[in-house]
Every structure is written in C-alpha cells, then in structure tokens.
C-alpha cells in the first residue's frame, strides 16, 4: 500500500515550525521502502492580508496532491485549520523523518476505537454529560483530527451533552451537529480557548 507523508523541515533536515520558512518534503512508501518524492518551498508571509495567506496555504495544499499526512515541529493557527478542513492527519514531531515515518504512517491509517480514550481524557461531569479537552487529547494521540475524535462520541447514545475545550471552532461542527440531530453553543473562555457545548435535541 502506498503511503505519503509531508514533512516541513529546516536546512538541517529536521522538522521545523510552520512559523519558520523551510522545505516541505513529501516522502512516499512503496513496498515498505521510503523515497523522497518531491520538495515544496515553504514560506508564509504573515504581513499579507488573511485572504492572501489563505490563498498561499490553498496553493500549498494543492501542491501536496494526494498526500494527507502533514508533520512539523509545531502546527497552529490558520494553517492548522486549513489542513484539518482538508482532512489531513496532523503531527507535531521534532525527530528526523527516518526515525518516525513508519510510525506516523501506521498510526495515521489506524482506526482508534473510542473505548481507548482514557478516563482522564474524557471526563464524566455528571449523568450523561461528558467533557474533553480536544487539544490536549490530540497532543497525546497525534494524527487524529477533531472530527475523528468527536463524531464517534456524538454518535454514542450514552452521551447526552458533550463539552469540548478547544483553541478554535472546528469547521465541521455546524453541519455534523445538524446531521446528528444535536444543537451546539460556543463560549469564548480566553483569547485562544473556546468551550463548545453539544447537546442532544430533546
């Protein structure tokens, strides 16, 4: 099975932050052998307008073609949102690519049962009400998008209300809650922290 992984690296070949310029290397695994398929020059000029930045990001994503796994030492902000919206598996890793490519490839294609979520990650507040800090969960379970974590929870009949702590509002919340017959409210707790309450419609 062919697997592709895009890694943003610096001049030393180690993953760097999306806030820095670098090279996106796309690695392809065929028959368990990794090869560097292509390179994309990466630079986001944050002095541009948000519209121009989004256009640049859209071009980067288009250049990645069929690759849906992205690795950097730090991924946040508008790029994180765009990658998540494009259904990328997003990883924050600082090791050299040859040390993690196989691991990332396997974990990114693995379906993690919801029962594996630890009690401290999914807190039962009271009967039928649960809470989860999605950012903390993703930091310890790299490669999962917020949609992959939360939608199975919203499909669980035992969960009447789900409180989600996050640093941005996932783009899919409105459409998925409507599809699943749930309502939601958003509260801004701090500058970079939101609380989304998703409840079953009675």
Protein backbone atom coordinates (compact mmCIF):
# COMPACT_ATOMS: atom_id res chain seq x y z
CA UNK A 1 0.00 0.00 0.00
CA UNK A 2 1.35 3.42 -0.99
CA UNK A 3 1.56 5.97 1.82
CA UNK A 4 2.66 9.61 1.56
CA UNK A 5 3.91 11.82 4.39
CA UNK A 6 4.73 15.54 4.05
CA UNK A 7 7.34 16.89 6.47
CA UNK A 8 8.23 20.57 6.91
CA UNK A 9 11.99 20.66 7.56
CA UNK A 10 14.73 23.25 8.05
CA UNK A 11 18.13 23.38 6.34
CA UNK A 12 19.36 20.56 8.60
CA UNK A 13 16.56 18.25 7.51
CA UNK A 14 14.74 18.22 10.87
CA UNK A 15 11.08 19.23 11.33
CA UNK A 16 10.55 22.93 11.94
CA UNK A 17 7.68 25.18 12.97
CA UNK A 18 5.12 26.42 10.45
CA UNK A 19 6.09 29.89 11.63
CA UNK A 20 9.51 29.42 10.01
CA UNK A 21 10.45 29.14 6.34
CA UNK A 22 11.63 25.75 5.12
CA UNK A 23 11.08 22.92 2.68
CA UNK A 24 8.12 20.55 2.65
CA UNK A 25 9.48 17.15 1.71
CA UNK A 26 6.97 14.58 0.52
CA UNK A 27 8.02 11.03 1.28
CA UNK A 28 6.35 8.04 -0.37
CA UNK A 29 6.42 4.47 0.93
CA UNK A 30 6.00 1.69 -1.61
CA UNK A 31 6.61 -1.90 -0.56
CA UNK A 32 7.93 -0.63 2.81
CA UNK A 33 10.64 1.43 1.12
CA UNK A 34 10.63 5.20 1.68
CA UNK A 35 11.68 7.61 -1.07
CA UNK A 36 11.63 11.39 -1.25
CA UNK A 37 9.10 12.15 -3.97
CA UNK A 38 9.15 15.94 -4.11
CA UNK A 39 10.05 19.19 -2.38
CA UNK A 40 7.94 22.31 -1.95
CA UNK A 41 9.42 25.63 -0.86
CA UNK A 42 7.53 26.79 2.22
CA UNK A 43 7.13 30.38 3.39
CA UNK A 44 4.09 32.16 4.76
CA UNK A 45 4.35 35.94 4.74
CA UNK A 46 2.28 36.90 7.78
CA UNK A 47 2.42 40.55 6.70
CA UNK A 48 -0.02 39.74 3.90
CA UNK A 49 -3.77 40.02 4.29
CA UNK A 50 -5.59 36.99 5.71
CA UNK A 51 -7.15 36.45 2.27
CA UNK A 52 -3.70 36.32 0.63
CA UNK A 53 -2.36 34.00 3.33
CA UNK A 54 -5.26 31.63 2.79
CA UNK A 55 -4.60 31.67 -0.94
CA UNK A 56 -0.95 30.75 -0.31
CA UNK A 57 -2.00 27.93 2.02
CA UNK A 58 -4.52 26.68 -0.52
CA UNK A 59 -1.72 26.51 -3.09
CA UNK A 60 0.49 24.56 -0.68
CA UNK A 61 -2.28 22.05 -0.01
CA UNK A 62 -2.94 21.73 -3.73
CA UNK A 63 0.78 21.04 -4.30
CA UNK A 64 0.63 18.17 -1.79
CA UNK A 65 -1.78 16.43 -4.15
CA UNK A 66 -2.90 13.08 -2.68
CA UNK A 67 -0.73 13.33 0.45
CA UNK A 68 -2.92 13.63 3.56
CA UNK A 69 -0.37 13.41 6.37
CA UNK A 70 1.50 16.55 7.49
CA UNK A 71 4.35 16.74 10.01
CA UNK A 72 6.09 19.77 11.55
CA UNK A 73 7.55 20.61 14.95
CA UNK A 74 4.64 22.99 15.55
CA UNK A 75 1.36 23.37 13.65
CA UNK A 76 -1.19 26.00 14.67
CA UNK A 77 -3.34 28.89 13.53
CA UNK A 78 -4.67 29.33 10.02
CA UNK A 79 -2.52 26.56 8.52
CA UNK A 80 -3.72 24.05 11.13
CA UNK A 81 -7.33 25.00 10.41
CA UNK A 82 -6.83 24.66 6.64
CA UNK A 83 -5.10 21.28 6.97
CA UNK A 84 -7.80 19.96 9.29
CA UNK A 85 -10.51 21.19 6.92
CA UNK A 86 -8.74 19.32 4.11
CA UNK A 87 -8.82 16.12 6.27
CA UNK A 88 -5.08 15.94 6.91
CA UNK A 89 -3.62 13.86 9.73
CA UNK A 90 -1.54 16.46 11.60
CA UNK A 91 1.54 15.55 13.65
CA UNK A 92 3.89 17.66 15.78
CA UNK A 93 7.27 15.89 15.89
CA UNK A 94 10.85 17.13 16.23
CA UNK A 95 12.78 13.94 15.35
CA UNK A 96 14.38 13.33 11.96
CA UNK A 97 11.99 11.82 9.35
CA UNK A 98 13.79 8.48 9.13
CA UNK A 99 13.04 7.98 12.84
CA UNK A 100 9.25 8.39 12.59
CA UNK A 101 7.97 7.86 9.04
CA UNK A 102 6.87 4.25 9.58
CA UNK A 103 5.28 5.08 12.93
CA UNK A 104 3.36 8.06 11.54
CA UNK A 105 2.21 6.09 8.51
CA UNK A 106 0.87 3.24 10.63
CA UNK A 107 -0.82 5.40 13.26
CA UNK A 108 -2.37 7.67 10.65
CA UNK A 109 -4.11 4.78 8.93
CA UNK A 110 -5.11 3.06 12.15
CA UNK A 111 -8.66 3.38 13.42
CA UNK A 112 -8.52 4.06 17.15
CA UNK A 113 -11.61 2.73 18.96
CA UNK A 114 -13.31 5.30 21.15
CA UNK A 115 -13.08 2.90 24.09
CA UNK A 116 -9.34 3.57 24.13
CA UNK A 117 -9.90 7.15 25.26
CA UNK A 118 -8.61 7.32 28.82
CA UNK A 119 -10.87 8.36 31.70
CA UNK A 120 -8.74 11.42 32.37
CA UNK A 121 -9.13 12.47 28.71
CA UNK A 122 -12.91 12.06 28.58
CA UNK A 123 -14.29 13.30 31.90
CA UNK A 124 -17.78 12.40 33.12
CA UNK A 125 -19.10 15.61 34.66
CA UNK A 126 -22.50 14.18 35.60
CA UNK A 127 -25.02 11.68 34.29
CA UNK A 128 -24.93 11.88 30.51
CA UNK A 129 -22.62 14.93 30.42
CA UNK A 130 -19.01 14.47 29.34
CA UNK A 131 -16.14 16.88 28.71
CA UNK A 132 -12.94 16.61 26.69
CA UNK A 133 -10.02 18.98 26.04
CA UNK A 134 -9.51 18.24 22.36
CA UNK A 135 -6.14 19.99 22.09
CA UNK A 136 -4.64 18.01 24.99
CA UNK A 137 -6.10 14.80 23.57
CA UNK A 138 -4.60 15.40 20.14
CA UNK A 139 -1.19 16.19 21.66
CA UNK A 140 -1.07 12.72 23.21
CA UNK A 141 -2.80 10.99 20.29
CA UNK A 142 -1.12 12.58 17.28
CA UNK A 143 -2.56 12.18 13.84
CA UNK A 144 -6.24 12.35 14.81
CA UNK A 145 -8.38 15.25 13.63
CA UNK A 146 -11.01 16.76 15.91
CA UNK A 147 -13.71 15.26 13.70
CA UNK A 148 -12.29 11.74 14.06
CA UNK A 149 -12.27 12.10 17.84
CA UNK A 150 -15.57 13.86 18.42
CA UNK A 151 -18.03 12.45 15.87
CA UNK A 152 -17.86 8.90 17.33
CA UNK A 153 -18.60 10.44 20.74
CA UNK A 154 -21.58 12.32 19.33
CA UNK A 155 -22.86 9.04 17.89
CA UNK A 156 -22.75 7.46 21.35
CA UNK A 157 -26.27 7.40 22.80
CA UNK A 158 -24.90 7.45 26.35
CA UNK A 159 -23.56 10.98 25.80
CA UNK A 160 -26.42 13.44 26.15
CA UNK A 161 -24.19 16.51 26.36
CA UNK A 162 -20.54 16.93 25.34
CA UNK A 163 -18.44 19.90 26.46
CA UNK A 164 -15.43 20.42 24.20
CA UNK A 165 -12.48 22.65 25.16
CA UNK A 166 -10.57 23.78 22.06
CA UNK A 167 -8.41 26.58 20.68
CA UNK A 168 -10.58 27.10 17.59
CA UNK A 169 -14.04 26.16 16.36
CA UNK A 170 -13.80 23.15 14.01
CA UNK A 171 -15.29 23.96 10.60
CA UNK A 172 -17.45 20.84 10.59
CA UNK A 173 -19.31 21.45 13.86
CA UNK A 174 -22.37 23.15 12.35
CA UNK A 175 -23.02 20.58 9.60
CA UNK A 176 -22.27 17.49 11.71
CA UNK A 177 -24.32 18.52 14.72
CA UNK A 178 -27.26 19.23 12.40
CA UNK A 179 -26.82 15.86 10.71
CA UNK A 180 -26.69 14.06 14.06
CA UNK A 181 -29.70 15.89 15.47
CA UNK A 182 -27.74 17.82 18.08
CA UNK A 183 -27.54 21.50 18.93
CA UNK A 184 -24.45 23.44 19.96
CA UNK A 185 -23.40 26.64 21.69
CA UNK A 186 -19.99 28.31 21.67
CA UNK A 187 -18.48 30.25 24.58
CA UNK A 188 -15.13 32.05 24.44
CA UNK A 189 -13.28 31.39 27.71
CA UNK A 190 -9.99 33.12 26.87
CA UNK A 191 -8.30 34.63 23.83
CA UNK A 192 -7.30 31.22 22.45
CA UNK A 193 -9.75 28.98 24.28
CA UNK A 194 -13.33 28.12 23.47
CA UNK A 195 -15.92 25.85 25.09
CA UNK A 196 -18.42 24.18 22.77
CA UNK A 197 -21.45 22.56 24.35
CA UNK A 198 -23.04 19.99 22.04
CA UNK A 199 -26.33 18.58 23.30
CA UNK A 200 -28.85 16.06 22.10
CA UNK A 201 -32.08 17.67 20.95
CA UNK A 202 -34.98 16.59 23.11
